[in-house]
């Protein structure tokens, strides 16, 4: 799914029942859809939360994620868990631009 980051929520952390430390952070993506354009995504663990370090509200990104649902006392709760983020509005490097225009042999 692609869109612009609408909100970055505060990171959360804690300790599980088994004593393991955990960290979670969520963000909201505006995908530009006519109805219900905002989707909240979750990042679990230090390595996944770190994916947000270089991003800010307004950045255009592509989100790769897994959907999962869990039942609790007869109710179902759905999560969109991110496994990869990448910018879509990054300008090309000079080398990429030169290669795209056939200028890779320039002496400078």
C-alpha atoms as a PDB file:
ATOM      1  CA  UNK A   1       0.000   0.000   0.000  1.00  0.00           C
ATOM      2  CA  UNK A   2       1.289   3.470  -0.806  1.00  0.00           C
ATOM      3  CA  UNK A   3       0.428   6.868   0.602  1.00  0.00           C
ATOM      4  CA  UNK A   4       1.578   9.739   2.794  1.00  0.00           C
ATOM      5  CA  UNK A   5       2.369   9.476   6.471  1.00  0.00           C
ATOM      6  CA  UNK A   6      -0.440  11.348   8.245  1.00  0.00           C
ATOM      7  CA  UNK A   7       0.629  10.745  11.876  1.00  0.00           C
ATOM      8  CA  UNK A   8       3.441   9.058  13.759  1.00  0.00           C
ATOM      9  CA  UNK A   9       2.246   7.909  17.170  1.00  0.00           C
ATOM     10  CA  UNK A  10       4.365   7.694  20.311  1.00  0.00           C
ATOM     11  CA  UNK A  11       6.427   4.549  20.837  1.00  0.00           C
ATOM     12  CA  UNK A  12       5.240   2.137  23.505  1.00  0.00           C
ATOM     13  CA  UNK A  13       7.237  -0.428  25.447  1.00  0.00           C
ATOM     14  CA  UNK A  14       6.758  -2.888  28.243  1.00  0.00           C
ATOM     15  CA  UNK A  15       7.419  -6.356  29.565  1.00  0.00           C
ATOM     16  CA  UNK A  16       5.452  -9.435  28.546  1.00  0.00           C
ATOM     17  CA  UNK A  17       4.049 -12.018  30.976  1.00  0.00           C
ATOM     18  CA  UNK A  18       7.126 -14.132  30.251  1.00  0.00           C
ATOM     19  CA  UNK A  19       9.469 -11.275  31.175  1.00  0.00           C
ATOM     20  CA  UNK A  20      10.554 -10.279  27.670  1.00  0.00           C
ATOM     21  CA  UNK A  21      10.934  -6.597  26.831  1.00  0.00           C
ATOM     22  CA  UNK A  22       8.913  -5.359  23.862  1.00  0.00           C
ATOM     23  CA  UNK A  23       8.639  -2.157  21.861  1.00  0.00           C
ATOM     24  CA  UNK A  24       5.887  -1.024  19.511  1.00  0.00           C
ATOM     25  CA  UNK A  25       5.195   2.066  17.430  1.00  0.00           C
ATOM     26  CA  UNK A  26       2.283   2.869  15.134  1.00  0.00           C
ATOM     27  CA  UNK A  27       1.740   5.340  12.332  1.00  0.00           C
ATOM     28  CA  UNK A  28      -1.204   6.380  10.191  1.00  0.00           C
ATOM     29  CA  UNK A  29      -0.972   6.280   6.402  1.00  0.00           C
ATOM     30  CA  UNK A  30      -3.313   8.326   4.188  1.00  0.00           C
ATOM     31  CA  UNK A  31      -3.678   6.233   1.029  1.00  0.00           C
ATOM     32  CA  UNK A  32      -5.795   8.832  -0.783  1.00  0.00           C
ATOM     33  CA  UNK A  33      -8.869   6.592  -1.066  1.00  0.00           C
ATOM     34  CA  UNK A  34     -12.262   8.274  -1.340  1.00  0.00           C
ATOM     35  CA  UNK A  35     -13.677   6.391   1.670  1.00  0.00           C
ATOM     36  CA  UNK A  36     -11.691   5.511   4.801  1.00  0.00           C
ATOM     37  CA  UNK A  37      -8.327   6.738   3.498  1.00  0.00           C
ATOM     38  CA  UNK A  38      -6.433   6.387   6.795  1.00  0.00           C
ATOM     39  CA  UNK A  39      -4.933   3.077   7.873  1.00  0.00           C
ATOM     40  CA  UNK A  40      -3.034   2.554  11.131  1.00  0.00           C
ATOM     41  CA  UNK A  41       0.031   0.292  10.880  1.00  0.00           C
ATOM     42  CA  UNK A  42       2.063  -1.284  13.699  1.00  0.00           C
ATOM     43  CA  UNK A  43       5.802  -1.876  13.997  1.00  0.00           C
ATOM     44  CA  UNK A  44       6.925  -4.408  16.630  1.00  0.00           C
ATOM     45  CA  UNK A  45      10.480  -4.786  17.911  1.00  0.00           C
ATOM     46  CA  UNK A  46      13.481  -2.445  17.878  1.00  0.00           C
ATOM     47  CA  UNK A  47      14.478  -3.332  14.305  1.00  0.00           C
ATOM     48  CA  UNK A  48      11.011  -2.589  12.914  1.00  0.00           C
ATOM     49  CA  UNK A  49      10.507   0.602  14.970  1.00  0.00           C
ATOM     50  CA  UNK A  50      13.856   1.823  13.610  1.00  0.00           C
ATOM     51  CA  UNK A  51      12.324   1.830  10.109  1.00  0.00           C
ATOM     52  CA  UNK A  52      10.558   5.079  11.088  1.00  0.00           C
ATOM     53  CA  UNK A  53      13.763   6.862  12.176  1.00  0.00           C
ATOM     54  CA  UNK A  54      14.346   8.679   8.886  1.00  0.00           C
ATOM     55  CA  UNK A  55      10.680   9.302   8.070  1.00  0.00           C
ATOM     56  CA  UNK A  56       8.358  12.144   8.982  1.00  0.00           C
ATOM     57  CA  UNK A  57       4.758  13.244   8.504  1.00  0.00           C
ATOM     58  CA  UNK A  58       4.113  14.015   4.838  1.00  0.00           C
ATOM     59  CA  UNK A  59       6.637  11.528   3.427  1.00  0.00           C
ATOM     60  CA  UNK A  60       5.318   9.332   0.626  1.00  0.00           C
ATOM     61  CA  UNK A  61       6.032   5.671   1.336  1.00  0.00           C
ATOM     62  CA  UNK A  62       5.193   2.136   0.322  1.00  0.00           C
ATOM     63  CA  UNK A  63       4.242  -0.170   3.187  1.00  0.00           C
ATOM     64  CA  UNK A  64       4.623  -3.934   2.999  1.00  0.00           C
ATOM     65  CA  UNK A  65       2.638  -5.611   5.765  1.00  0.00           C
ATOM     66  CA  UNK A  66       0.799  -8.673   7.047  1.00  0.00           C
ATOM     67  CA  UNK A  67      -2.803  -8.656   8.206  1.00  0.00           C
ATOM     68  CA  UNK A  68      -3.759 -10.841  11.135  1.00  0.00           C
ATOM     69  CA  UNK A  69      -6.815 -11.230  13.345  1.00  0.00           C
ATOM     70  CA  UNK A  70      -7.057 -12.570  16.871  1.00  0.00           C
ATOM     71  CA  UNK A  71     -10.106 -13.641  18.814  1.00  0.00           C
ATOM     72  CA  UNK A  72     -10.515 -12.485  22.413  1.00  0.00           C
ATOM     73  CA  UNK A  73     -13.697 -13.256  24.349  1.00  0.00           C
ATOM     74  CA  UNK A  74     -15.756 -13.625  21.187  1.00  0.00           C
ATOM     75  CA  UNK A  75     -14.481 -10.448  19.525  1.00  0.00           C
ATOM     76  CA  UNK A  76     -11.956 -10.268  16.694  1.00  0.00           C
ATOM     77  CA  UNK A  77      -9.165  -7.687  16.541  1.00  0.00           C
ATOM     78  CA  UNK A  78      -7.228  -7.069  13.334  1.00  0.00           C
ATOM     79  CA  UNK A  79      -3.660  -5.778  13.058  1.00  0.00           C
ATOM     80  CA  UNK A  80      -1.655  -4.505  10.092  1.00  0.00           C
ATOM     81  CA  UNK A  81       1.939  -5.379  11.013  1.00  0.00           C
ATOM     82  CA  UNK A  82       4.706  -3.797   8.914  1.00  0.00           C
ATOM     83  CA  UNK A  83       7.693  -5.789   7.738  1.00  0.00           C
ATOM     84  CA  UNK A  84       9.152  -3.246   5.297  1.00  0.00           C
ATOM     85  CA  UNK A  85       8.893   0.490   4.547  1.00  0.00           C
ATOM     86  CA  UNK A  86      10.372   2.348   1.599  1.00  0.00           C
ATOM     87  CA  UNK A  87      10.132   5.924   0.387  1.00  0.00           C
ATOM     88  CA  UNK A  88       8.467   6.517  -2.944  1.00  0.00           C
ATOM     89  CA  UNK A  89       9.331  10.221  -3.272  1.00  0.00           C
ATOM     90  CA  UNK A  90      13.127  10.007  -3.099  1.00  0.00           C
ATOM     91  CA  UNK A  91      14.851  11.906  -5.908  1.00  0.00           C
ATOM     92  CA  UNK A  92      17.287   9.770  -7.928  1.00  0.00           C
ATOM     93  CA  UNK A  93      20.991  10.032  -7.239  1.00  0.00           C
ATOM     94  CA  UNK A  94      23.223  11.702  -9.828  1.00  0.00           C
ATOM     95  CA  UNK A  95      24.495   8.293 -10.994  1.00  0.00           C
ATOM     96  CA  UNK A  96      20.940   6.956 -11.390  1.00  0.00           C
ATOM     97  CA  UNK A  97      19.858  10.071 -13.294  1.00  0.00           C
ATOM     98  CA  UNK A  98      22.895   9.887 -15.601  1.00  0.00           C
ATOM     99  CA  UNK A  99      22.257   6.204 -16.326  1.00  0.00           C
ATOM    100  CA  UNK A 100      18.594   6.916 -17.053  1.00  0.00           C
ATOM    101  CA  UNK A 101      19.558   9.546 -19.628  1.00  0.00           C
ATOM    102  CA  UNK A 102      22.492   7.615 -21.117  1.00  0.00           C
ATOM    103  CA  UNK A 103      25.166   9.893 -19.599  1.00  0.00           C
ATOM    104  CA  UNK A 104      27.080   7.293 -17.599  1.00  0.00           C
ATOM    105  CA  UNK A 105      30.309   7.919 -19.542  1.00  0.00           C
ATOM    106  CA  UNK A 106      30.638  11.610 -18.663  1.00  0.00           C
ATOM    107  CA  UNK A 107      34.125  12.507 -17.354  1.00  0.00           C
ATOM    108  CA  UNK A 108      32.794  14.407 -14.307  1.00  0.00           C
END
